[in-house]
């Protein structure tokens, strides 16, 4: 897929990814405090008790389909989150390496201080109904520098992405407006909060919340789980 921004050389890109993993840990620890200070809530409803929360639901977005699953990697993400975008190329590399043995699962966790994180999540939910979840996911991260941090609604831009991806726009509009799409996002956030997610990106490998320190460590954890 054509992107709007050229990728840096591999060596530099991998170095940037390693740095962003470290930064993501800091962001993840501090994001919830920022939300509290800002008076925002990640979801309008109280999270379910931990006993009722589900790390993976039947309708969660599975982006790989191994014939013989060895493990599951769940990511809670925010499309307006800089560390999420920086880490996404590595996640895509890991899918190619381990997608035949590990099921990669994406769940939404739009942070309340990101004006367009929820509209972006709605765009992916609408695209998923036309089997274009992965394409919209990629387009949103590729173009995040264009729309991220804007205080104006970027829903029209996301609709234009849907047009460029060849989606049926009437069906896309209906899906974005469907309360079930918003409820699905809220359910992801509620599950995440109950499971200890307090920022993005947050990963769980076979139910264990990961603390990542480098790209090499991330790859090694998946390699061990995929044996």
Protein backbone atom coordinates (compact mmCIF):
# COMPACT_ATOMS: atom_id res chain seq x y z
CA UNK A 1 0.00 0.00 0.00
CA UNK A 2 1.26 3.45 -0.85
CA UNK A 3 1.94 5.55 2.21
CA UNK A 4 1.99 9.30 2.60
CA UNK A 5 5.40 9.36 4.25
CA UNK A 6 8.57 7.60 3.19
CA UNK A 7 9.98 5.03 5.61
CA UNK A 8 13.43 5.71 7.09
CA UNK A 9 16.31 3.30 6.36
CA UNK A 10 16.01 -0.02 8.16
CA UNK A 11 18.80 0.62 10.66
CA UNK A 12 17.49 4.02 11.66
CA UNK A 13 13.92 2.78 11.74
CA UNK A 14 14.79 -0.10 14.06
CA UNK A 15 16.71 2.24 16.33
CA UNK A 16 13.71 4.56 16.44
CA UNK A 17 11.43 1.63 17.24
CA UNK A 18 13.63 0.57 20.16
CA UNK A 19 13.56 4.10 21.54
CA UNK A 20 9.80 4.34 21.15
CA UNK A 21 9.30 1.07 23.02
CA UNK A 22 11.07 2.61 25.99
CA UNK A 23 9.02 5.76 25.65
CA UNK A 24 5.83 3.74 25.36
CA UNK A 25 6.45 2.29 28.80
CA UNK A 26 6.71 5.81 30.20
CA UNK A 27 3.63 6.97 28.32
CA UNK A 28 1.68 3.93 29.44
CA UNK A 29 2.48 4.59 33.08
CA UNK A 30 1.62 8.25 32.89
CA UNK A 31 -1.37 8.30 30.55
CA UNK A 32 -3.93 7.42 33.19
CA UNK A 33 -2.73 10.22 35.45
CA UNK A 34 -3.02 12.68 32.59
CA UNK A 35 -6.58 11.47 31.98
CA UNK A 36 -7.46 11.94 35.65
CA UNK A 37 -5.97 15.42 35.78
CA UNK A 38 -7.77 16.34 32.57
CA UNK A 39 -11.05 15.19 34.07
CA UNK A 40 -11.61 12.72 31.23
CA UNK A 41 -12.86 9.16 31.27
CA UNK A 42 -11.77 6.41 28.93
CA UNK A 43 -15.33 5.09 28.72
CA UNK A 44 -18.71 6.41 29.87
CA UNK A 45 -19.50 3.29 31.84
CA UNK A 46 -17.68 1.77 34.79
CA UNK A 47 -15.40 -1.10 33.75
CA UNK A 48 -16.65 -4.61 34.37
CA UNK A 49 -15.24 -6.44 37.39
CA UNK A 50 -11.94 -8.14 36.57
CA UNK A 51 -13.68 -11.50 36.82
CA UNK A 52 -16.04 -10.48 33.98
CA UNK A 53 -13.48 -8.71 31.80
CA UNK A 54 -12.28 -10.58 28.75
CA UNK A 55 -8.86 -10.16 27.19
CA UNK A 56 -10.18 -11.54 23.91
CA UNK A 57 -13.81 -11.59 22.81
CA UNK A 58 -15.39 -13.57 20.00
CA UNK A 59 -15.61 -10.44 17.84
CA UNK A 60 -12.12 -9.08 18.61
CA UNK A 61 -10.05 -8.23 15.54
CA UNK A 62 -7.71 -11.12 14.80
CA UNK A 63 -5.13 -9.97 12.26
CA UNK A 64 -3.40 -13.33 11.83
CA UNK A 65 -4.96 -16.80 11.56
CA UNK A 66 -2.41 -19.52 12.34
CA UNK A 67 -3.42 -23.06 11.43
CA UNK A 68 -1.92 -24.27 14.71
CA UNK A 69 -2.01 -21.53 17.34
CA UNK A 70 0.81 -21.55 19.88
CA UNK A 71 0.01 -18.23 21.59
CA UNK A 72 -2.03 -15.03 21.42
CA UNK A 73 -0.68 -11.47 21.43
CA UNK A 74 -3.26 -8.80 22.27
CA UNK A 75 -2.56 -5.11 21.70
CA UNK A 76 -4.64 -2.29 23.15
CA UNK A 77 -4.00 0.71 20.91
CA UNK A 78 -4.96 4.30 20.16
CA UNK A 79 -4.68 5.53 16.56
CA UNK A 80 -3.67 9.03 17.71
CA UNK A 81 -0.92 7.67 19.98
CA UNK A 82 2.62 8.44 18.77
CA UNK A 83 4.23 5.38 20.39
CA UNK A 84 1.53 3.14 18.86
CA UNK A 85 2.38 4.47 15.41
CA UNK A 86 6.13 4.15 15.99
CA UNK A 87 5.76 0.55 17.13
CA UNK A 88 3.38 -0.53 14.36
CA UNK A 89 6.13 -1.32 11.76
CA UNK A 90 7.72 -3.70 14.26
CA UNK A 91 4.37 -5.32 15.00
CA UNK A 92 3.88 -5.85 11.27
CA UNK A 93 7.35 -7.45 11.03
CA UNK A 94 6.51 -9.75 13.93
CA UNK A 95 3.27 -10.77 12.25
CA UNK A 96 5.28 -11.92 9.23
CA UNK A 97 7.69 -13.83 11.45
CA UNK A 98 5.24 -15.41 13.88
CA UNK A 99 1.78 -15.05 12.33
CA UNK A 100 1.74 -18.73 11.37
CA UNK A 101 1.99 -19.66 15.07
CA UNK A 102 0.73 -16.65 17.04
CA UNK A 103 -2.67 -14.99 16.74
CA UNK A 104 -2.26 -11.19 16.78
CA UNK A 105 -5.32 -9.39 18.13
CA UNK A 106 -6.02 -5.63 18.11
CA UNK A 107 -8.34 -3.89 20.57
CA UNK A 108 -9.25 -0.23 20.83
CA UNK A 109 -8.21 1.96 23.73
CA UNK A 110 -8.76 5.59 22.62
CA UNK A 111 -7.39 7.93 25.27
CA UNK A 112 -9.77 10.72 26.32
CA UNK A 113 -7.33 13.55 25.62
CA UNK A 114 -6.94 12.50 21.96
CA UNK A 115 -9.72 14.34 20.13
CA UNK A 116 -9.78 12.04 17.10
CA UNK A 117 -8.84 8.69 18.61
CA UNK A 118 -12.45 7.53 18.91
CA UNK A 119 -13.45 8.72 15.40
CA UNK A 120 -10.41 6.84 14.08
CA UNK A 121 -11.45 3.71 15.95
CA UNK A 122 -14.95 4.06 14.49
CA UNK A 123 -13.39 4.27 11.02
CA UNK A 124 -11.64 0.94 11.55
CA UNK A 125 -14.82 -0.64 12.89
CA UNK A 126 -16.72 0.54 9.82
CA UNK A 127 -13.97 -0.67 7.51
CA UNK A 128 -13.95 -4.05 9.24
CA UNK A 129 -17.56 -4.61 8.20
CA UNK A 130 -16.33 -4.47 4.61
CA UNK A 131 -13.27 -6.64 5.30
CA UNK A 132 -10.89 -3.68 5.14
CA UNK A 133 -9.88 -3.45 8.79
CA UNK A 134 -6.17 -3.94 8.11
CA UNK A 135 -6.11 -1.42 5.28
CA UNK A 136 -7.79 1.28 7.38
CA UNK A 137 -5.53 0.47 10.34
CA UNK A 138 -2.47 1.01 8.15
CA UNK A 139 -3.83 4.17 6.53
CA UNK A 140 -4.57 5.78 9.89
CA UNK A 141 -1.10 5.15 11.25
CA UNK A 142 0.59 6.16 7.97
CA UNK A 143 -1.24 9.49 8.00
CA UNK A 144 -1.22 10.18 11.75
CA UNK A 145 1.25 13.12 11.39
CA UNK A 146 -1.32 14.74 9.08
CA UNK A 147 -4.28 14.62 11.49
CA UNK A 148 -2.97 13.71 14.94
CA UNK A 149 -3.28 16.31 17.71
CA UNK A 150 -5.90 18.25 15.76
CA UNK A 151 -8.71 19.69 17.84
CA UNK A 152 -11.03 19.65 14.84
CA UNK A 153 -12.94 16.52 13.93
CA UNK A 154 -11.11 14.47 11.32
CA UNK A 155 -14.12 12.27 10.57
CA UNK A 156 -14.42 13.74 7.03
CA UNK A 157 -10.77 12.86 6.37
CA UNK A 158 -11.32 9.32 7.62
CA UNK A 159 -14.35 9.07 5.34
CA UNK A 160 -12.11 10.12 2.46
CA UNK A 161 -9.73 7.30 3.39
CA UNK A 162 -12.72 4.95 3.13
CA UNK A 163 -13.38 6.25 -0.37
CA UNK A 164 -9.73 5.76 -1.36
CA UNK A 165 -9.86 2.20 -0.04
CA UNK A 166 -12.85 1.48 -2.25
CA UNK A 167 -15.42 1.10 0.52
CA UNK A 168 -19.13 1.49 -0.05
CA UNK A 169 -19.60 4.92 1.49
CA UNK A 170 -23.27 4.50 2.32
CA UNK A 171 -22.47 1.33 4.24
CA UNK A 172 -19.46 3.04 5.83
CA UNK A 173 -21.57 5.98 7.03
CA UNK A 174 -24.20 3.65 8.42
CA UNK A 175 -21.57 1.64 10.28
CA UNK A 176 -19.94 4.74 11.80
CA UNK A 177 -23.36 5.92 13.03
CA UNK A 178 -24.37 2.49 14.32
CA UNK A 179 -24.44 2.58 18.16
CA UNK A 180 -23.10 -0.95 18.18
CA UNK A 181 -19.76 0.30 16.82
CA UNK A 182 -19.39 2.79 19.67
CA UNK A 183 -20.48 0.14 22.17
CA UNK A 184 -17.83 -2.22 20.86
CA UNK A 185 -15.12 0.40 21.38
CA UNK A 186 -16.43 1.17 24.86
CA UNK A 187 -16.36 -2.55 25.65
CA UNK A 188 -12.72 -2.77 24.56
CA UNK A 189 -11.83 0.15 26.83
CA UNK A 190 -13.81 -1.26 29.75
CA UNK A 191 -12.12 -4.65 29.39
CA UNK A 192 -8.73 -2.96 29.15
CA UNK A 193 -9.26 -0.88 32.28
CA UNK A 194 -10.39 -3.92 34.26
CA UNK A 195 -7.33 -5.84 33.07
CA UNK A 196 -4.89 -3.11 34.12
CA UNK A 197 -4.39 -1.19 30.88
CA UNK A 198 -3.55 2.43 31.72
CA UNK A 199 -1.99 3.67 28.49
CA UNK A 200 -1.12 2.72 24.95
CA UNK A 201 0.26 0.61 23.48
CA UNK A 202 -0.23 -2.20 25.98
CA UNK A 203 0.45 -5.82 25.04
CA UNK A 204 -0.62 -9.10 26.61
CA UNK A 205 1.10 -12.33 25.60
CA UNK A 206 -0.96 -15.38 26.55
CA UNK A 207 -2.72 -13.33 29.20
CA UNK A 208 0.43 -11.81 30.71
CA UNK A 209 0.85 -8.04 30.52
CA UNK A 210 4.22 -7.27 28.97
CA UNK A 211 6.80 -4.72 30.08
CA UNK A 212 8.86 -4.10 26.96
CA UNK A 213 12.38 -2.69 26.96
CA UNK A 214 13.61 -3.32 23.41
CA UNK A 215 12.63 -4.68 20.02
CA UNK A 216 14.96 -7.63 20.57
CA UNK A 217 13.27 -8.51 23.87
CA UNK A 218 9.82 -8.30 22.23
CA UNK A 219 10.91 -10.63 19.42
CA UNK A 220 12.48 -13.07 21.88
CA UNK A 221 9.31 -13.26 23.98
CA UNK A 222 7.29 -14.14 20.89
CA UNK A 223 9.88 -16.65 19.73
CA UNK A 224 9.68 -18.44 23.06
CA UNK A 225 5.88 -18.41 23.03
CA UNK A 226 5.79 -19.75 19.46
CA UNK A 227 7.85 -22.86 20.18
